[in-house]
Amino acid sequence: MCKEKLKSGSKEEDDASDKSCNYICPKSMLQVIRPPVIDDDGNAYESECEMKRAHCKQKAAKGKKKERQSDESDSADGDSTDQNDTFCPQLCLDNYDPVTDETGKTYSNACYMKRAKCKGKKKDVDVLAEYERIYGKPFGASRKTNVDNDTDK
C-alpha cells in the first residue's frame, strides 16, 4: 500500500531524517469512504500508510532529541524544535473516552486533548504589525503613484 521511496527534493524527504521514513501515501477516493485508521494512542490517520509514516518520523525525531541531549556542546537554545517533535492529530474520532489534562479541563478523548494542546502552541500574530514589518509601512498607508501622466482628458 505504501511505497518507500520519495522523489528527491520533496519536502517530506527533507523532513525525515531516516531514509526508511520516506513513504509515499497515495490519496484515493476510497479514503473518503473508509473510516480513519486509529493507533494505540487514539490518534486518527487517513490511512495505514499515513500512520506508519507518522510513527516512523516520531521515532526519528526522538532519536535526534536524544542525540542532542547527549551532546554537551549544544547551546541552551537548541530545544526550539521540541514543538515540532510531537505529533498533532488533524482529525479525531468521536468516541467518548473522557480524559482530563493537568489544568482540570476534560476532553472527550485523548486525541482531542492532543489537538487542543497543539492549537495552544500556535503563536498569536499581530497581523498589522507583521504587515508593517514586511512592507515597511502601516497597512492602509497611501501609495506613491505617478498620476502626472493622467492628462488624457
C-alpha atoms as a PDB file:
ATOM      1  CA  MET A   1       0.000   0.000   0.000  1.00  0.00           C
ATOM      2  CA  CYS A   2       2.879   2.395   0.755  1.00  0.00           C
ATOM      3  CA  LYS A   3       5.903   2.959  -1.390  1.00  0.00           C
ATOM      4  CA  GLU A   4       9.137   3.572   0.483  1.00  0.00           C
ATOM      5  CA  LYS A   5      10.932   5.897  -1.931  1.00  0.00           C
ATOM      6  CA  LEU A   6      10.276   9.581  -2.388  1.00  0.00           C
ATOM      7  CA  LYS A   7      11.294  11.664  -5.334  1.00  0.00           C
ATOM      8  CA  SER A   8      14.397  13.642  -4.486  1.00  0.00           C
ATOM      9  CA  GLY A   9      13.897  17.223  -3.446  1.00  0.00           C
ATOM     10  CA  SER A  10      10.459  16.712  -1.936  1.00  0.00           C
ATOM     11  CA  LYS A  11       9.602  18.376   1.356  1.00  0.00           C
ATOM     12  CA  GLU A  12       8.810  15.072   3.027  1.00  0.00           C
ATOM     13  CA  GLU A  13      12.246  13.713   2.184  1.00  0.00           C
ATOM     14  CA  ASP A  14      13.878  16.749   3.760  1.00  0.00           C
ATOM     15  CA  ASP A  15      11.716  16.435   6.888  1.00  0.00           C
ATOM     16  CA  ALA A  16      12.563  12.795   7.501  1.00  0.00           C
ATOM     17  CA  SER A  17      15.947  12.132   8.988  1.00  0.00           C
ATOM     18  CA  ASP A  18      15.771   8.388   8.419  1.00  0.00           C
ATOM     19  CA  LYS A  19      15.564   7.131   4.826  1.00  0.00           C
ATOM     20  CA  SER A  20      13.180   4.376   5.953  1.00  0.00           C
ATOM     21  CA  CYS A  21      10.573   7.044   6.825  1.00  0.00           C
ATOM     22  CA  ASN A  22      10.226   8.103   3.196  1.00  0.00           C
ATOM     23  CA  TYR A  23       6.742   6.800   2.495  1.00  0.00           C
ATOM     24  CA  ILE A  24       4.561   7.938  -0.374  1.00  0.00           C
ATOM     25  CA  CYS A  25       0.986   7.515   0.756  1.00  0.00           C
ATOM     26  CA  PRO A  26      -1.404   7.573  -2.205  1.00  0.00           C
ATOM     27  CA  LYS A  27      -4.557   9.619  -1.899  1.00  0.00           C
ATOM     28  CA  SER A  28      -7.614   7.928  -3.317  1.00  0.00           C
ATOM     29  CA  MET A  29     -11.349   8.384  -3.408  1.00  0.00           C
ATOM     30  CA  LEU A  30     -11.666   5.281  -1.240  1.00  0.00           C
ATOM     31  CA  GLN A  31     -10.263   7.227   1.708  1.00  0.00           C
ATOM     32  CA  VAL A  32     -13.369   9.402   1.638  1.00  0.00           C
ATOM     33  CA  ILE A  33     -15.471   6.291   2.189  1.00  0.00           C
ATOM     34  CA  ARG A  34     -13.169   4.387   4.538  1.00  0.00           C
ATOM     35  CA  PRO A  35     -13.033   5.282   8.215  1.00  0.00           C
ATOM     36  CA  PRO A  36      -9.732   6.617   9.546  1.00  0.00           C
ATOM     37  CA  VAL A  37      -7.109   4.261  10.969  1.00  0.00           C
ATOM     38  CA  ILE A  38      -6.639   4.626  14.743  1.00  0.00           C
ATOM     39  CA  ASP A  39      -3.356   3.888  16.524  1.00  0.00           C
ATOM     40  CA  ASP A  40      -2.897   2.654  20.097  1.00  0.00           C
ATOM     41  CA  ASP A  41      -2.830   6.236  21.425  1.00  0.00           C
ATOM     42  CA  GLY A  42      -6.189   7.092  19.831  1.00  0.00           C
ATOM     43  CA  ASN A  43      -4.742   9.248  17.030  1.00  0.00           C
ATOM     44  CA  ALA A  44      -6.622   9.068  13.720  1.00  0.00           C
ATOM     45  CA  TYR A  45      -4.916   8.856  10.331  1.00  0.00           C
ATOM     46  CA  GLU A  46      -6.296   8.905   6.789  1.00  0.00           C
ATOM     47  CA  SER A  47      -4.704   5.527   6.028  1.00  0.00           C
ATOM     48  CA  GLU A  48      -2.416   2.881   7.482  1.00  0.00           C
ATOM     49  CA  CYS A  49       0.392   4.328   5.377  1.00  0.00           C
ATOM     50  CA  GLU A  50      -0.079   7.789   6.936  1.00  0.00           C
ATOM     51  CA  MET A  51       0.020   6.172  10.393  1.00  0.00           C
ATOM     52  CA  LYS A  52       3.257   4.287   9.607  1.00  0.00           C
ATOM     53  CA  ARG A  53       4.888   7.432   8.242  1.00  0.00           C
ATOM     54  CA  ALA A  54       3.904   9.493  11.301  1.00  0.00           C
ATOM     55  CA  HIS A  55       5.172   6.837  13.717  1.00  0.00           C
ATOM     56  CA  CYS A  56       8.421   6.490  11.798  1.00  0.00           C
ATOM     57  CA  LYS A  57       9.022  10.244  11.874  1.00  0.00           C
ATOM     58  CA  GLN A  58       8.199  10.342  15.599  1.00  0.00           C
ATOM     59  CA  LYS A  59      10.815   7.669  16.282  1.00  0.00           C
ATOM     60  CA  ALA A  60      13.376   9.505  14.153  1.00  0.00           C
ATOM     61  CA  ALA A  61      12.623  12.778  15.961  1.00  0.00           C
ATOM     62  CA  LYS A  62      13.007  11.103  19.362  1.00  0.00           C
ATOM     63  CA  GLY A  63      16.367   9.716  18.236  1.00  0.00           C
ATOM     64  CA  LYS A  64      17.505  13.196  17.186  1.00  0.00           C
ATOM     65  CA  LYS A  65      16.361  14.625  20.512  1.00  0.00           C
ATOM     66  CA  LYS A  66      18.350  12.008  22.457  1.00  0.00           C
ATOM     67  CA  GLU A  67      21.452  12.729  20.370  1.00  0.00           C
ATOM     68  CA  ARG A  68      21.041  16.442  21.024  1.00  0.00           C
ATOM     69  CA  GLN A  69      20.675  15.895  24.779  1.00  0.00           C
ATOM     70  CA  SER A  70      23.761  13.683  24.965  1.00  0.00           C
ATOM     71  CA  ASP A  71      25.890  16.203  23.058  1.00  0.00           C
ATOM     72  CA  GLU A  72      27.209  18.654  25.658  1.00  0.00           C
ATOM     73  CA  SER A  73      28.364  21.151  23.036  1.00  0.00           C
ATOM     74  CA  ASP A  74      24.826  22.175  22.080  1.00  0.00           C
ATOM     75  CA  SER A  75      23.635  25.580  23.223  1.00  0.00           C
ATOM     76  CA  ALA A  76      20.748  26.093  25.621  1.00  0.00           C
ATOM     77  CA  ASP A  77      18.502  27.385  22.837  1.00  0.00           C
ATOM     78  CA  GLY A  78      18.766  24.105  20.939  1.00  0.00           C
ATOM     79  CA  ASP A  79      15.401  22.952  22.227  1.00  0.00           C
ATOM     80  CA  SER A  80      13.442  25.258  19.919  1.00  0.00           C
ATOM     81  CA  THR A  81      12.489  22.286  17.733  1.00  0.00           C
ATOM     82  CA  ASP A  82      10.810  20.405  20.575  1.00  0.00           C
ATOM     83  CA  GLN A  83       7.409  21.676  19.459  1.00  0.00           C
ATOM     84  CA  ASN A  84       7.946  20.068  16.062  1.00  0.00           C
ATOM     85  CA  ASP A  85       8.913  16.728  17.623  1.00  0.00           C
ATOM     86  CA  THR A  86       5.375  15.996  18.814  1.00  0.00           C
ATOM     87  CA  PHE A  87       2.624  14.801  16.524  1.00  0.00           C
ATOM     88  CA  CYS A  88      -0.507  16.929  16.234  1.00  0.00           C
ATOM     89  CA  PRO A  89      -3.531  14.947  15.013  1.00  0.00           C
ATOM     90  CA  GLN A  90      -5.543  16.573  12.241  1.00  0.00           C
ATOM     91  CA  LEU A  91      -8.695  14.560  12.882  1.00  0.00           C
ATOM     92  CA  CYS A  92     -10.054  12.569  15.785  1.00  0.00           C
ATOM     93  CA  LEU A  93     -12.812  10.004  16.161  1.00  0.00           C
ATOM     94  CA  ASP A  94     -15.831  10.972  18.193  1.00  0.00           C
ATOM     95  CA  ASN A  95     -15.543   8.036  20.592  1.00  0.00           C
ATOM     96  CA  TYR A  96     -16.285   9.038  24.166  1.00  0.00           C
ATOM     97  CA  ASP A  97     -13.427   8.096  26.479  1.00  0.00           C
ATOM     98  CA  PRO A  98     -13.026  11.211  28.656  1.00  0.00           C
ATOM     99  CA  VAL A  99      -9.586  12.375  29.739  1.00  0.00           C
ATOM    100  CA  THR A 100      -8.563  15.320  31.900  1.00  0.00           C
ATOM    101  CA  ASP A 101      -5.445  17.426  31.441  1.00  0.00           C
ATOM    102  CA  GLU A 102      -3.214  18.869  34.167  1.00  0.00           C
ATOM    103  CA  THR A 103      -5.380  22.010  34.418  1.00  0.00           C
ATOM    104  CA  GLY A 104      -8.548  20.002  35.059  1.00  0.00           C
ATOM    105  CA  LYS A 105     -10.132  20.528  31.637  1.00  0.00           C
ATOM    106  CA  THR A 106     -11.936  17.434  30.349  1.00  0.00           C
ATOM    107  CA  TYR A 107     -11.844  16.299  26.713  1.00  0.00           C
ATOM    108  CA  SER A 108     -13.954  13.609  25.051  1.00  0.00           C
ATOM    109  CA  ASN A 109     -10.813  11.524  24.336  1.00  0.00           C
ATOM    110  CA  ALA A 110      -7.006  11.716  24.323  1.00  0.00           C
ATOM    111  CA  CYS A 111      -6.867  12.665  20.647  1.00  0.00           C
ATOM    112  CA  TYR A 112      -8.968  15.802  21.191  1.00  0.00           C
ATOM    113  CA  MET A 113      -6.771  16.733  24.150  1.00  0.00           C
ATOM    114  CA  LYS A 114      -3.638  16.450  21.958  1.00  0.00           C
ATOM    115  CA  ARG A 115      -5.276  18.594  19.255  1.00  0.00           C
ATOM    116  CA  ALA A 116      -6.168  21.277  21.791  1.00  0.00           C
ATOM    117  CA  LYS A 117      -2.628  21.337  23.154  1.00  0.00           C
ATOM    118  CA  CYS A 118      -1.215  21.633  19.625  1.00  0.00           C
ATOM    119  CA  LYS A 119      -3.511  24.551  18.882  1.00  0.00           C
ATOM    120  CA  GLY A 120      -2.376  26.176  22.117  1.00  0.00           C
ATOM    121  CA  LYS A 121       1.236  26.108  20.887  1.00  0.00           C
ATOM    122  CA  LYS A 122       0.438  28.268  17.885  1.00  0.00           C
ATOM    123  CA  LYS A 123       1.775  31.754  18.247  1.00  0.00           C
ATOM    124  CA  ASP A 124      -0.657  34.658  18.031  1.00  0.00           C
ATOM    125  CA  VAL A 125       0.405  37.026  15.277  1.00  0.00           C
ATOM    126  CA  ASP A 126      -0.353  40.737  15.189  1.00  0.00           C
ATOM    127  CA  VAL A 127      -1.301  40.926  11.522  1.00  0.00           C
ATOM    128  CA  LEU A 128      -0.955  44.702  11.233  1.00  0.00           C
ATOM    129  CA  ALA A 129       2.468  44.727  12.895  1.00  0.00           C
ATOM    130  CA  GLU A 130       3.573  41.852  10.655  1.00  0.00           C
ATOM    131  CA  TYR A 131       2.378  43.765   7.566  1.00  0.00           C
ATOM    132  CA  GLU A 132       4.352  46.824   8.645  1.00  0.00           C
ATOM    133  CA  ARG A 133       7.436  44.684   9.300  1.00  0.00           C
ATOM    134  CA  ILE A 134       7.251  43.099   5.846  1.00  0.00           C
ATOM    135  CA  TYR A 135       6.296  46.134   3.768  1.00  0.00           C
ATOM    136  CA  GLY A 136       7.923  48.887   5.824  1.00  0.00           C
ATOM    137  CA  LYS A 137       4.751  50.948   6.151  1.00  0.00           C
ATOM    138  CA  PRO A 138       1.489  50.657   8.081  1.00  0.00           C
ATOM    139  CA  PHE A 139      -1.473  48.944   6.454  1.00  0.00           C
ATOM    140  CA  GLY A 140      -3.670  51.410   4.584  1.00  0.00           C
ATOM    141  CA  ALA A 141      -0.878  53.947   4.024  1.00  0.00           C
ATOM    142  CA  SER A 142      -1.124  55.791   0.734  1.00  0.00           C
ATOM    143  CA  ARG A 143       0.971  54.531  -2.147  1.00  0.00           C
ATOM    144  CA  LYS A 144       3.164  56.753  -4.237  1.00  0.00           C
ATOM    145  CA  THR A 145       1.879  56.603  -7.800  1.00  0.00           C
ATOM    146  CA  ASN A 146       2.595  58.525 -10.944  1.00  0.00           C
ATOM    147  CA  VAL A 147      -0.643  60.408 -11.595  1.00  0.00           C
ATOM    148  CA  ASP A 148       1.091  63.093 -13.660  1.00  0.00           C
ATOM    149  CA  ASN A 149       0.570  61.072 -16.838  1.00  0.00           C
ATOM    150  CA  ASP A 150      -3.209  61.059 -16.367  1.00  0.00           C
ATOM    151  CA  THR A 151      -3.811  64.137 -18.570  1.00  0.00           C
ATOM    152  CA  ASP A 152      -5.564  62.402 -21.481  1.00  0.00           C
ATOM    153  CA  LYS A 153      -8.884  64.195 -20.881  1.00  0.00           C
END
